[in-house]
Amino acid sequence: MGLFGASAHTPTPVMPAEHPSGPLPVQGAPLGQAVRVPLGETGFEIFPLLLGGAEFGWHVGLAASHAILDTYRARGGNAVHTSDSYAAGRSEHVIGQWFRSRGNRDETVLAVKVGRNPDHPGLGSTNLVRSVEASLTRLATDRIDVLYLDGSAQRSTVLEDTLATAEWLVETGKIRTLGAAGYTAAQLVEARILSSAGYPRITALDVPYNVLRREEFDGDLRLVAGAQGIAVTPSQALEHGYLSGAHRDRDRVGASVRGRQLAANMNRRGARTLRALDRIAAELAVPPAAVAIAWLLAQRVVAAPIVSAYAVTHVDELVQGVGIHLSRAHLAEIARAVD
């Protein structure tokens, strides 16, 4: 079962709309006209939607994964996110083969999260270097553009030791910039203090965040990210697929891990939220998933959500969220439904 599942919505081209970072092109615009926004202080400019590789090599085979990547690129996408733990490294293999076969590595901003691969877990110096080296091999590349450190993987590791190792990785050209995942607000403050001593700065933050799931980000973490100019790249943008609107019947989602995750949102609050997304989606002639993406992009600290897809049609649905503008009335309607 995919993030979306069967959908009754047909992707509809949308006109450019105003965005905090400037006007956006219509869906399917040529690559040369694709919108780019700064990824915080990383120095990279990306399409405001990071294509996640969580399903590649797991639920999605090689050919289908490459078709999804090709469609994303054709729609203007230029940033791919994966992890050394996704499908035991097979996600990285899939993306690496795509780079080799398409010859487009230099045109793609590559983000990789490390820390949870069982062969070299955590962020200790030795395992961090081994993780990066293994990822580079699987991805068929000589550098990672944004390395996300998964701080939840090994809380006992001293942050200064991790950043010292990251400094060496930057100096050797194996990574370009640093991001964080699973870090607390206090850790981000500590990391910024250490950066004044010459260690690399954390410039991007991966945190679960969407219209239904806000508690992990709203509060101190949001304040620190905003104050430090950290680019927020939310994961779980569709709350395990629930916000796509494709899964509404508790009896049909099954008893798998994802089925339980979907069922957890099938309550009054979740139903109200989907009704609000449905109404706005009908008004704007886009799928509900696009409205959920547009809500994230309306949050000033968000640079680009991380989204995974199971099929080419999902890419078309998600990309439409970049090209629509939610009015204050739309945002207020969603807020009333969620609260």
C-alpha atoms as a PDB file:
ATOM      1  CA  MET A   1       0.000   0.000   0.000  1.00  0.00           C
ATOM      2  CA  GLY A   2       1.454   3.359  -1.044  1.00  0.00           C
ATOM      3  CA  LEU A   3       1.472   6.746   0.565  1.00  0.00           C
ATOM      4  CA  PHE A   4      -1.360   7.721  -1.717  1.00  0.00           C
ATOM      5  CA  GLY A   5      -3.087   4.513  -2.757  1.00  0.00           C
ATOM      6  CA  ALA A   6      -5.784   4.775  -5.399  1.00  0.00           C
ATOM      7  CA  SER A   7      -6.789   8.358  -6.027  1.00  0.00           C
ATOM      8  CA  ALA A   8      -9.785   9.749  -7.822  1.00  0.00           C
ATOM      9  CA  HIS A   9      -7.999  13.007  -8.527  1.00  0.00           C
ATOM     10  CA  THR A  10      -6.490  13.715 -11.931  1.00  0.00           C
ATOM     11  CA  PRO A  11      -3.464  16.050 -11.785  1.00  0.00           C
ATOM     12  CA  THR A  12      -4.463  19.439 -13.142  1.00  0.00           C
ATOM     13  CA  PRO A  13      -1.996  22.019 -14.459  1.00  0.00           C
ATOM     14  CA  VAL A  14      -2.076  25.181 -12.367  1.00  0.00           C
ATOM     15  CA  MET A  15      -1.096  28.744 -13.115  1.00  0.00           C
ATOM     16  CA  PRO A  16       1.802  30.484 -11.338  1.00  0.00           C
ATOM     17  CA  ALA A  17       0.964  31.964  -7.960  1.00  0.00           C
ATOM     18  CA  GLU A  18       2.649  34.361  -5.589  1.00  0.00           C
ATOM     19  CA  HIS A  19       5.088  32.730  -3.153  1.00  0.00           C
ATOM     20  CA  PRO A  20       7.285  34.244  -0.427  1.00  0.00           C
ATOM     21  CA  SER A  21      10.308  33.559  -2.658  1.00  0.00           C
ATOM     22  CA  GLY A  22       8.819  34.843  -5.901  1.00  0.00           C
ATOM     23  CA  PRO A  23       6.606  33.665  -8.765  1.00  0.00           C
ATOM     24  CA  LEU A  24       6.413  29.999  -9.678  1.00  0.00           C
ATOM     25  CA  PRO A  25       6.124  28.404 -13.121  1.00  0.00           C
ATOM     26  CA  VAL A  26       3.248  26.277 -14.320  1.00  0.00           C
ATOM     27  CA  GLN A  27       3.438  22.546 -13.769  1.00  0.00           C
ATOM     28  CA  GLY A  28       5.754  20.904 -16.286  1.00  0.00           C
ATOM     29  CA  ALA A  29       7.713  24.062 -17.095  1.00  0.00           C
ATOM     30  CA  PRO A  30      11.023  23.490 -18.891  1.00  0.00           C
ATOM     31  CA  LEU A  31      14.014  22.957 -16.636  1.00  0.00           C
ATOM     32  CA  GLY A  32      15.497  26.334 -17.551  1.00  0.00           C
ATOM     33  CA  GLN A  33      12.380  28.068 -16.192  1.00  0.00           C
ATOM     34  CA  ALA A  34      12.028  26.044 -13.017  1.00  0.00           C
ATOM     35  CA  VAL A  35      11.735  27.935  -9.751  1.00  0.00           C
ATOM     36  CA  ARG A  36      14.665  27.854  -7.354  1.00  0.00           C
ATOM     37  CA  VAL A  37      14.761  28.989  -3.733  1.00  0.00           C
ATOM     38  CA  PRO A  38      17.795  29.269  -1.432  1.00  0.00           C
ATOM     39  CA  LEU A  39      18.297  26.293   0.848  1.00  0.00           C
ATOM     40  CA  GLY A  40      19.077  28.487   3.829  1.00  0.00           C
ATOM     41  CA  GLU A  41      22.781  29.252   4.105  1.00  0.00           C
ATOM     42  CA  THR A  42      23.926  26.077   2.342  1.00  0.00           C
ATOM     43  CA  GLY A  43      24.734  28.008  -0.824  1.00  0.00           C
ATOM     44  CA  PHE A  44      22.452  25.763  -2.874  1.00  0.00           C
ATOM     45  CA  GLU A  45      19.316  26.812  -4.720  1.00  0.00           C
ATOM     46  CA  ILE A  46      16.703  24.107  -5.078  1.00  0.00           C
ATOM     47  CA  PHE A  47      13.202  23.413  -6.306  1.00  0.00           C
ATOM     48  CA  PRO A  48      11.018  23.877  -3.187  1.00  0.00           C
ATOM     49  CA  LEU A  49      10.202  20.173  -2.993  1.00  0.00           C
ATOM     50  CA  LEU A  50      12.839  17.562  -2.096  1.00  0.00           C
ATOM     51  CA  LEU A  51      12.122  14.167  -3.616  1.00  0.00           C
ATOM     52  CA  GLY A  52      12.613  11.546  -0.921  1.00  0.00           C
ATOM     53  CA  GLY A  53      13.987   8.102  -1.699  1.00  0.00           C
ATOM     54  CA  ALA A  54      12.547   6.260   1.308  1.00  0.00           C
ATOM     55  CA  GLU A  55      10.577   3.825  -0.866  1.00  0.00           C
ATOM     56  CA  PHE A  56      13.203   3.220  -3.555  1.00  0.00           C
ATOM     57  CA  GLY A  57      14.517  -0.322  -3.425  1.00  0.00           C
ATOM     58  CA  TRP A  58      11.835  -1.266  -0.910  1.00  0.00           C
ATOM     59  CA  HIS A  59       8.261  -0.785  -2.164  1.00  0.00           C
ATOM     60  CA  VAL A  60       9.382   0.656  -5.510  1.00  0.00           C
ATOM     61  CA  GLY A  61      11.651  -1.238  -7.910  1.00  0.00           C
ATOM     62  CA  LEU A  62      14.508   0.114  -9.992  1.00  0.00           C
ATOM     63  CA  ALA A  63      12.613   0.965 -13.192  1.00  0.00           C
ATOM     64  CA  ALA A  64       9.681   2.561 -11.357  1.00  0.00           C
ATOM     65  CA  SER A  65      12.055   4.535  -9.106  1.00  0.00           C
ATOM     66  CA  HIS A  66      13.906   5.901 -12.128  1.00  0.00           C
ATOM     67  CA  ALA A  67      10.606   6.865 -13.765  1.00  0.00           C
ATOM     68  CA  ILE A  68       9.646   8.789 -10.612  1.00  0.00           C
ATOM     69  CA  LEU A  69      13.036  10.529 -10.560  1.00  0.00           C
ATOM     70  CA  ASP A  70      12.768  11.363 -14.270  1.00  0.00           C
ATOM     71  CA  THR A  71       9.285  12.838 -13.816  1.00  0.00           C
ATOM     72  CA  TYR A  72      10.415  14.909 -10.843  1.00  0.00           C
ATOM     73  CA  ARG A  73      13.320  16.285 -12.865  1.00  0.00           C
ATOM     74  CA  ALA A  74      11.051  17.002 -15.846  1.00  0.00           C
ATOM     75  CA  ARG A  75       8.790  19.023 -13.544  1.00  0.00           C
ATOM     76  CA  GLY A  76      11.735  21.202 -12.511  1.00  0.00           C
ATOM     77  CA  GLY A  77      12.984  19.224  -9.508  1.00  0.00           C
ATOM     78  CA  ASN A  78      16.682  19.252  -8.725  1.00  0.00           C
ATOM     79  CA  ALA A  79      17.042  18.011  -5.110  1.00  0.00           C
ATOM     80  CA  VAL A  80      16.980  14.383  -3.941  1.00  0.00           C
ATOM     81  CA  HIS A  81      16.999  13.174  -0.323  1.00  0.00           C
ATOM     82  CA  THR A  82      17.865   9.683   0.881  1.00  0.00           C
ATOM     83  CA  SER A  83      19.416   7.885   3.836  1.00  0.00           C
ATOM     84  CA  ASP A  84      21.985   5.144   4.283  1.00  0.00           C
ATOM     85  CA  SER A  85      19.349   3.247   6.271  1.00  0.00           C
ATOM     86  CA  TYR A  86      16.574   3.301   3.646  1.00  0.00           C
ATOM     87  CA  ALA A  87      16.021  -0.255   2.399  1.00  0.00           C
ATOM     88  CA  ALA A  88      19.404  -1.241   3.882  1.00  0.00           C
ATOM     89  CA  GLY A  89      21.198   1.077   1.462  1.00  0.00           C
ATOM     90  CA  ARG A  90      19.296  -0.024  -1.652  1.00  0.00           C
ATOM     91  CA  SER A  91      17.728   3.432  -1.989  1.00  0.00           C
ATOM     92  CA  GLU A  92      21.199   4.888  -2.441  1.00  0.00           C
ATOM     93  CA  HIS A  93      22.060   2.195  -5.009  1.00  0.00           C
ATOM     94  CA  VAL A  94      18.931   3.092  -7.006  1.00  0.00           C
ATOM     95  CA  ILE A  95      19.752   6.792  -6.992  1.00  0.00           C
ATOM     96  CA  GLY A  96      23.390   6.095  -7.811  1.00  0.00           C
ATOM     97  CA  GLN A  97      22.368   4.071 -10.866  1.00  0.00           C
ATOM     98  CA  TRP A  98      20.091   6.933 -11.913  1.00  0.00           C
ATOM     99  CA  PHE A  99      23.009   9.363 -11.702  1.00  0.00           C
ATOM    100  CA  ARG A 100      25.188   7.062 -13.798  1.00  0.00           C
ATOM    101  CA  SER A 101      22.576   6.366 -16.458  1.00  0.00           C
ATOM    102  CA  ARG A 102      21.345   9.967 -16.791  1.00  0.00           C
ATOM    103  CA  GLY A 103      24.647  11.775 -16.254  1.00  0.00           C
ATOM    104  CA  ASN A 104      22.934  14.430 -14.146  1.00  0.00           C
ATOM    105  CA  ARG A 105      24.787  14.302 -10.835  1.00  0.00           C
ATOM    106  CA  ASP A 106      26.168  17.829 -11.240  1.00  0.00           C
ATOM    107  CA  GLU A 107      22.651  19.216 -11.814  1.00  0.00           C
ATOM    108  CA  THR A 108      21.235  17.563  -8.684  1.00  0.00           C
ATOM    109  CA  VAL A 109      21.517  18.687  -5.064  1.00  0.00           C
ATOM    110  CA  LEU A 110      22.045  15.477  -3.119  1.00  0.00           C
ATOM    111  CA  ALA A 111      21.012  15.246   0.548  1.00  0.00           C
ATOM    112  CA  VAL A 112      21.815  12.148   2.610  1.00  0.00           C
ATOM    113  CA  LYS A 113      20.890  11.339   6.219  1.00  0.00           C
ATOM    114  CA  VAL A 114      23.274   9.114   8.186  1.00  0.00           C
ATOM    115  CA  GLY A 115      23.346   7.601  11.647  1.00  0.00           C
ATOM    116  CA  ARG A 116      21.004   4.625  11.519  1.00  0.00           C
ATOM    117  CA  ASN A 117      22.692   2.116   9.248  1.00  0.00           C
ATOM    118  CA  PRO A 118      23.193  -1.011  11.390  1.00  0.00           C
ATOM    119  CA  ASP A 119      26.629  -1.666   9.883  1.00  0.00           C
ATOM    120  CA  HIS A 120      28.001   1.590  11.327  1.00  0.00           C
ATOM    121  CA  PRO A 121      25.377   3.152  13.602  1.00  0.00           C
ATOM    122  CA  GLY A 122      25.498   6.479  15.376  1.00  0.00           C
ATOM    123  CA  LEU A 123      27.596   9.574  14.832  1.00  0.00           C
ATOM    124  CA  GLY A 124      30.853   8.586  16.475  1.00  0.00           C
ATOM    125  CA  SER A 125      33.922   9.605  14.478  1.00  0.00           C
ATOM    126  CA  THR A 126      34.773   6.196  13.014  1.00  0.00           C
ATOM    127  CA  ASN A 127      31.235   5.217  12.111  1.00  0.00           C
ATOM    128  CA  LEU A 128      30.446   8.646  10.688  1.00  0.00           C
ATOM    129  CA  VAL A 129      33.373   8.431   8.275  1.00  0.00           C
ATOM    130  CA  ARG A 130      32.461   4.861   7.353  1.00  0.00           C
ATOM    131  CA  SER A 131      28.841   5.887   6.757  1.00  0.00           C
ATOM    132  CA  VAL A 132      29.821   8.677   4.411  1.00  0.00           C
ATOM    133  CA  GLU A 133      32.314   6.533   2.506  1.00  0.00           C
ATOM    134  CA  ALA A 134      29.737   3.744   2.064  1.00  0.00           C
ATOM    135  CA  SER A 135      27.095   6.219   0.898  1.00  0.00           C
ATOM    136  CA  LEU A 136      29.457   7.767  -1.630  1.00  0.00           C
ATOM    137  CA  THR A 137      30.150   4.320  -3.067  1.00  0.00           C
ATOM    138  CA  ARG A 138      26.484   3.351  -3.318  1.00  0.00           C
ATOM    139  CA  LEU A 139      25.542   6.731  -4.780  1.00  0.00           C
ATOM    140  CA  ALA A 140      28.345   6.621  -7.361  1.00  0.00           C
ATOM    141  CA  THR A 141      29.490  10.127  -6.486  1.00  0.00           C
ATOM    142  CA  ASP A 142      32.463  11.855  -4.925  1.00  0.00           C
ATOM    143  CA  ARG A 143      30.542  14.206  -2.621  1.00  0.00           C
ATOM    144  CA  ILE A 144      27.332  14.698  -0.676  1.00  0.00           C
ATOM    145  CA  ASP A 145      25.892  18.192  -0.922  1.00  0.00           C
ATOM    146  CA  VAL A 146      23.951  18.210   2.360  1.00  0.00           C
ATOM    147  CA  LEU A 147      24.786  15.609   5.001  1.00  0.00           C
ATOM    148  CA  TYR A 148      22.007  15.316   7.585  1.00  0.00           C
ATOM    149  CA  LEU A 149      23.288  14.063  10.935  1.00  0.00           C
ATOM    150  CA  ASP A 150      20.634  11.968  12.668  1.00  0.00           C
ATOM    151  CA  GLY A 151      21.092  13.047  16.277  1.00  0.00           C
ATOM    152  CA  SER A 152      18.412  10.676  17.529  1.00  0.00           C
ATOM    153  CA  ALA A 153      20.514   7.688  16.484  1.00  0.00           C
ATOM    154  CA  GLN A 154      23.081   7.909  19.290  1.00  0.00           C
ATOM    155  CA  ARG A 155      22.443  10.461  21.999  1.00  0.00           C
ATOM    156  CA  SER A 156      25.646   9.585  23.849  1.00  0.00           C
ATOM    157  CA  THR A 157      27.935  10.939  21.121  1.00  0.00           C
ATOM    158  CA  VAL A 158      29.536  14.267  22.046  1.00  0.00           C
ATOM    159  CA  LEU A 159      28.346  16.898  19.583  1.00  0.00           C
ATOM    160  CA  GLU A 160      31.773  18.507  19.362  1.00  0.00           C
ATOM    161  CA  ASP A 161      33.321  15.172  18.319  1.00  0.00           C
ATOM    162  CA  THR A 162      30.721  14.748  15.604  1.00  0.00           C
ATOM    163  CA  LEU A 163      31.283  18.268  14.275  1.00  0.00           C
ATOM    164  CA  ALA A 164      35.058  17.789  14.383  1.00  0.00           C
ATOM    165  CA  THR A 165      34.685  14.726  12.161  1.00  0.00           C
ATOM    166  CA  ALA A 166      32.287  16.627   9.909  1.00  0.00           C
ATOM    167  CA  GLU A 167      34.900  19.377   9.610  1.00  0.00           C
ATOM    168  CA  TRP A 168      37.375  16.842   8.235  1.00  0.00           C
ATOM    169  CA  LEU A 169      34.756  15.531   5.808  1.00  0.00           C
ATOM    170  CA  VAL A 170      34.127  19.065   4.552  1.00  0.00           C
ATOM    171  CA  GLU A 171      37.841  19.807   4.207  1.00  0.00           C
ATOM    172  CA  THR A 172      38.374  16.653   2.164  1.00  0.00           C
ATOM    173  CA  GLY A 173      35.474  17.544  -0.134  1.00  0.00           C
ATOM    174  CA  LYS A 174      33.392  14.501   0.746  1.00  0.00           C
ATOM    175  CA  ILE A 175      30.534  16.675   2.004  1.00  0.00           C
ATOM    176  CA  ARG A 176      29.635  20.286   1.262  1.00  0.00           C
ATOM    177  CA  THR A 177      27.294  21.359   4.057  1.00  0.00           C
ATOM    178  CA  LEU A 178      25.661  19.991   7.213  1.00  0.00           C
ATOM    179  CA  GLY A 179      22.070  19.407   8.152  1.00  0.00           C
ATOM    180  CA  ALA A 180      20.516  17.922  11.278  1.00  0.00           C
ATOM    181  CA  ALA A 181      17.693  15.505  12.048  1.00  0.00           C
ATOM    182  CA  GLY A 182      16.455  14.509  15.490  1.00  0.00           C
ATOM    183  CA  TYR A 183      18.309  17.381  17.156  1.00  0.00           C
ATOM    184  CA  THR A 184      16.821  19.374  20.024  1.00  0.00           C
ATOM    185  CA  ALA A 185      16.714  23.155  20.168  1.00  0.00           C
ATOM    186  CA  ALA A 186      19.437  23.067  22.833  1.00  0.00           C
ATOM    187  CA  GLN A 187      21.678  20.988  20.562  1.00  0.00           C
ATOM    188  CA  LEU A 188      21.217  23.434  17.713  1.00  0.00           C
ATOM    189  CA  VAL A 189      22.222  26.280  20.014  1.00  0.00           C
ATOM    190  CA  GLU A 190      25.281  24.312  21.144  1.00  0.00           C
ATOM    191  CA  ALA A 191      26.178  23.587  17.522  1.00  0.00           C
ATOM    192  CA  ARG A 192      25.981  27.262  16.627  1.00  0.00           C
ATOM    193  CA  ILE A 193      28.278  28.132  19.541  1.00  0.00           C
ATOM    194  CA  LEU A 194      30.757  25.495  18.341  1.00  0.00           C
ATOM    195  CA  SER A 195      30.601  26.915  14.818  1.00  0.00           C
ATOM    196  CA  SER A 196      32.064  30.157  16.192  1.00  0.00           C
ATOM    197  CA  ALA A 197      35.162  28.086  17.005  1.00  0.00           C
ATOM    198  CA  GLY A 198      35.467  27.020  13.393  1.00  0.00           C
ATOM    199  CA  TYR A 199      33.348  23.901  13.222  1.00  0.00           C
ATOM    200  CA  PRO A 200      30.877  23.552  10.309  1.00  0.00           C
ATOM    201  CA  ARG A 201      27.506  25.199  10.781  1.00  0.00           C
ATOM    202  CA  ILE A 202      24.257  23.275  10.714  1.00  0.00           C
ATOM    203  CA  THR A 203      22.339  24.946   7.915  1.00  0.00           C
ATOM    204  CA  ALA A 204      19.328  22.644   7.360  1.00  0.00           C
ATOM    205  CA  LEU A 205      16.886  20.807   9.625  1.00  0.00           C
ATOM    206  CA  ASP A 206      14.860  17.680   8.883  1.00  0.00           C
ATOM    207  CA  VAL A 207      11.956  17.419  11.330  1.00  0.00           C
ATOM    208  CA  PRO A 208       8.565  15.647  11.060  1.00  0.00           C
ATOM    209  CA  TYR A 209       6.090  18.445  10.402  1.00  0.00           C
ATOM    210  CA  ASN A 210       2.737  18.804   8.659  1.00  0.00           C
ATOM    211  CA  VAL A 211      -0.683  20.319   9.161  1.00  0.00           C
ATOM    212  CA  LEU A 212      -1.632  17.574  11.657  1.00  0.00           C
ATOM    213  CA  ARG A 213       1.779  17.008  13.256  1.00  0.00           C
ATOM    214  CA  ARG A 214       3.183  20.219  14.681  1.00  0.00           C
ATOM    215  CA  GLU A 215       4.202  19.481  18.263  1.00  0.00           C
ATOM    216  CA  GLU A 216       7.742  18.312  17.436  1.00  0.00           C
ATOM    217  CA  PHE A 217       8.614  21.521  15.606  1.00  0.00           C
ATOM    218  CA  ASP A 218       6.431  24.338  16.924  1.00  0.00           C
ATOM    219  CA  GLY A 219       7.969  25.883  20.008  1.00  0.00           C
ATOM    220  CA  ASP A 220      11.671  26.156  20.846  1.00  0.00           C
ATOM    221  CA  LEU A 221      12.853  24.237  17.792  1.00  0.00           C
ATOM    222  CA  ARG A 222      10.993  26.568  15.451  1.00  0.00           C
ATOM    223  CA  LEU A 223      12.263  29.641  17.280  1.00  0.00           C
ATOM    224  CA  VAL A 224      15.884  28.497  17.144  1.00  0.00           C
ATOM    225  CA  ALA A 225      15.671  27.472  13.497  1.00  0.00           C
ATOM    226  CA  GLY A 226      14.193  30.848  12.598  1.00  0.00           C
ATOM    227  CA  ALA A 227      16.725  32.806  14.639  1.00  0.00           C
ATOM    228  CA  GLN A 228      19.665  30.908  13.138  1.00  0.00           C
ATOM    229  CA  GLY A 229      18.396  31.064   9.561  1.00  0.00           C
ATOM    230  CA  ILE A 230      18.298  27.265   9.318  1.00  0.00           C
ATOM    231  CA  ALA A 231      16.444  25.929   6.286  1.00  0.00           C
ATOM    232  CA  VAL A 232      13.651  23.631   7.472  1.00  0.00           C
ATOM    233  CA  THR A 233      12.987  20.643   5.200  1.00  0.00           C
ATOM    234  CA  PRO A 234      10.026  18.870   6.827  1.00  0.00           C
ATOM    235  CA  SER A 235       9.703  15.116   6.563  1.00  0.00           C
ATOM    236  CA  GLN A 236       6.352  13.297   6.869  1.00  0.00           C
ATOM    237  CA  ALA A 237       4.801  16.108   4.824  1.00  0.00           C
ATOM    238  CA  LEU A 238       1.669  14.014   4.184  1.00  0.00           C
ATOM    239  CA  GLU A 239       1.569  12.284   7.595  1.00  0.00           C
ATOM    240  CA  HIS A 240       2.311   8.819   6.218  1.00  0.00           C
ATOM    241  CA  GLY A 241      -0.038   9.500   3.294  1.00  0.00           C
ATOM    242  CA  TYR A 242      -3.145  10.383   5.305  1.00  0.00           C
ATOM    243  CA  LEU A 243      -3.183  13.992   4.040  1.00  0.00           C
ATOM    244  CA  SER A 244      -3.339  12.761   0.452  1.00  0.00           C
ATOM    245  CA  GLY A 245      -6.977  11.934   1.158  1.00  0.00           C
ATOM    246  CA  ALA A 246      -6.602   8.475  -0.362  1.00  0.00           C
ATOM    247  CA  HIS A 247      -7.079   6.610   2.942  1.00  0.00           C
ATOM    248  CA  ARG A 248     -10.287   7.341   4.862  1.00  0.00           C
ATOM    249  CA  ASP A 249     -11.622   3.940   5.951  1.00  0.00           C
ATOM    250  CA  ARG A 250     -10.056   2.396   9.065  1.00  0.00           C
ATOM    251  CA  ASP A 251     -11.190  -1.076   7.971  1.00  0.00           C
ATOM    252  CA  ARG A 252      -9.237  -0.839   4.707  1.00  0.00           C
ATOM    253  CA  VAL A 253      -5.803   0.298   5.881  1.00  0.00           C
ATOM    254  CA  GLY A 254      -4.782  -3.042   7.357  1.00  0.00           C
ATOM    255  CA  ALA A 255      -2.711  -3.908  10.399  1.00  0.00           C
ATOM    256  CA  SER A 256       0.748  -3.120   9.001  1.00  0.00           C
ATOM    257  CA  VAL A 257       2.933  -0.422  10.553  1.00  0.00           C
ATOM    258  CA  ARG A 258       1.766   2.077   7.940  1.00  0.00           C
ATOM    259  CA  GLY A 259      -1.822   0.954   8.367  1.00  0.00           C
ATOM    260  CA  ARG A 260      -1.605   1.698  12.092  1.00  0.00           C
ATOM    261  CA  GLN A 261      -0.011   5.073  11.344  1.00  0.00           C
ATOM    262  CA  LEU A 262      -2.867   5.951   9.014  1.00  0.00           C
ATOM    263  CA  ALA A 263      -5.509   4.694  11.443  1.00  0.00           C
ATOM    264  CA  ALA A 264      -4.086   6.907  14.193  1.00  0.00           C
ATOM    265  CA  ASN A 265      -5.323   9.959  12.260  1.00  0.00           C
ATOM    266  CA  MET A 266      -8.763   8.580  11.507  1.00  0.00           C
ATOM    267  CA  ASN A 267     -10.553  10.523  14.198  1.00  0.00           C
ATOM    268  CA  ARG A 268     -12.683  13.655  14.336  1.00  0.00           C
ATOM    269  CA  ARG A 269      -9.704  15.983  14.035  1.00  0.00           C
ATOM    270  CA  GLY A 270      -8.329  14.079  11.051  1.00  0.00           C
ATOM    271  CA  ALA A 271     -11.727  13.977   9.343  1.00  0.00           C
ATOM    272  CA  ARG A 272     -12.240  17.735   9.848  1.00  0.00           C
ATOM    273  CA  THR A 273      -8.807  18.409   8.388  1.00  0.00           C
ATOM    274  CA  LEU A 274      -9.449  16.290   5.303  1.00  0.00           C
ATOM    275  CA  ARG A 275     -12.793  18.030   4.743  1.00  0.00           C
ATOM    276  CA  ALA A 276     -11.031  21.410   4.813  1.00  0.00           C
ATOM    277  CA  LEU A 277      -8.345  20.184   2.414  1.00  0.00           C
ATOM    278  CA  ASP A 278     -11.026  18.697   0.149  1.00  0.00           C
ATOM    279  CA  ARG A 279     -12.952  21.946  -0.033  1.00  0.00           C
ATOM    280  CA  ILE A 280      -9.886  24.068  -0.776  1.00  0.00           C
ATOM    281  CA  ALA A 281      -8.625  21.499  -3.268  1.00  0.00           C
ATOM    282  CA  ALA A 282     -11.951  21.610  -5.125  1.00  0.00           C
ATOM    283  CA  GLU A 283     -11.858  25.413  -5.187  1.00  0.00           C
ATOM    284  CA  LEU A 284      -8.312  25.487  -6.575  1.00  0.00           C
ATOM    285  CA  ALA A 285      -8.764  22.431  -8.845  1.00  0.00           C
ATOM    286  CA  VAL A 286      -5.849  20.533  -7.315  1.00  0.00           C
ATOM    287  CA  PRO A 287      -5.557  17.309  -5.266  1.00  0.00           C
ATOM    288  CA  PRO A 288      -5.692  17.485  -1.422  1.00  0.00           C
ATOM    289  CA  ALA A 289      -2.018  16.432  -1.276  1.00  0.00           C
ATOM    290  CA  ALA A 290      -1.099  19.622  -3.126  1.00  0.00           C
ATOM    291  CA  VAL A 291      -2.948  21.717  -0.544  1.00  0.00           C
ATOM    292  CA  ALA A 292      -1.038  19.964   2.275  1.00  0.00           C
ATOM    293  CA  ILE A 293       2.249  20.823   0.515  1.00  0.00           C
ATOM    294  CA  ALA A 294       1.139  24.407  -0.078  1.00  0.00           C
ATOM    295  CA  TRP A 295       0.327  24.746   3.639  1.00  0.00           C
ATOM    296  CA  LEU A 296       3.904  23.788   4.507  1.00  0.00           C
ATOM    297  CA  LEU A 297       5.346  26.201   1.961  1.00  0.00           C
ATOM    298  CA  ALA A 298       3.218  28.964   3.465  1.00  0.00           C
ATOM    299  CA  GLN A 299       5.197  28.572   6.709  1.00  0.00           C
ATOM    300  CA  ARG A 300       8.000  31.141   6.451  1.00  0.00           C
ATOM    301  CA  VAL A 301      10.719  28.936   7.942  1.00  0.00           C
ATOM    302  CA  VAL A 302      10.046  26.061   5.529  1.00  0.00           C
ATOM    303  CA  ALA A 303      12.366  25.900   2.534  1.00  0.00           C
ATOM    304  CA  ALA A 304      11.274  22.630   0.930  1.00  0.00           C
ATOM    305  CA  PRO A 305       9.278  19.643   2.238  1.00  0.00           C
ATOM    306  CA  ILE A 306      10.736  16.158   1.766  1.00  0.00           C
ATOM    307  CA  VAL A 307       8.198  13.978  -0.063  1.00  0.00           C
ATOM    308  CA  SER A 308       8.299  10.356  -1.167  1.00  0.00           C
ATOM    309  CA  ALA A 309       6.275   8.949  -4.050  1.00  0.00           C
ATOM    310  CA  TYR A 310       5.235   5.473  -5.139  1.00  0.00           C
ATOM    311  CA  ALA A 311       4.247   6.391  -8.698  1.00  0.00           C
ATOM    312  CA  VAL A 312       4.735   9.029 -11.371  1.00  0.00           C
ATOM    313  CA  THR A 313       1.189  10.306 -10.801  1.00  0.00           C
ATOM    314  CA  HIS A 314       2.077  11.087  -7.185  1.00  0.00           C
ATOM    315  CA  VAL A 315       4.890  13.362  -8.343  1.00  0.00           C
ATOM    316  CA  ASP A 316       2.436  15.282 -10.523  1.00  0.00           C
ATOM    317  CA  GLU A 317       0.051  15.688  -7.584  1.00  0.00           C
ATOM    318  CA  LEU A 318       2.743  16.851  -5.169  1.00  0.00           C
ATOM    319  CA  VAL A 319       4.403  19.300  -7.556  1.00  0.00           C
ATOM    320  CA  GLN A 320       1.109  21.150  -7.886  1.00  0.00           C
ATOM    321  CA  GLY A 321       1.512  22.228  -4.262  1.00  0.00           C
ATOM    322  CA  VAL A 322       4.454  24.400  -5.312  1.00  0.00           C
ATOM    323  CA  GLY A 323       2.376  26.290  -7.843  1.00  0.00           C
ATOM    324  CA  ILE A 324      -0.632  27.309  -5.746  1.00  0.00           C
ATOM    325  CA  HIS A 325      -1.132  30.101  -3.252  1.00  0.00           C
ATOM    326  CA  LEU A 326      -3.207  29.662  -0.112  1.00  0.00           C
ATOM    327  CA  SER A 327      -4.985  32.813   0.952  1.00  0.00           C
ATOM    328  CA  ARG A 328      -5.319  33.931   4.556  1.00  0.00           C
ATOM    329  CA  ALA A 329      -8.882  32.632   4.454  1.00  0.00           C
ATOM    330  CA  HIS A 330      -7.637  29.209   3.339  1.00  0.00           C
ATOM    331  CA  LEU A 331      -5.041  29.085   6.100  1.00  0.00           C
ATOM    332  CA  ALA A 332      -7.603  30.161   8.691  1.00  0.00           C
ATOM    333  CA  GLU A 333     -10.026  27.462   7.503  1.00  0.00           C
ATOM    334  CA  ILE A 334      -7.332  24.799   7.882  1.00  0.00           C
ATOM    335  CA  ALA A 335      -6.369  26.123  11.300  1.00  0.00           C
ATOM    336  CA  ARG A 336      -9.989  25.918  12.532  1.00  0.00           C
ATOM    337  CA  ALA A 337     -10.268  22.347  11.294  1.00  0.00           C
ATOM    338  CA  VAL A 338      -7.047  21.207  12.956  1.00  0.00           C
ATOM    339  CA  ASP A 339      -7.428  22.982  16.319  1.00  0.00           C
END
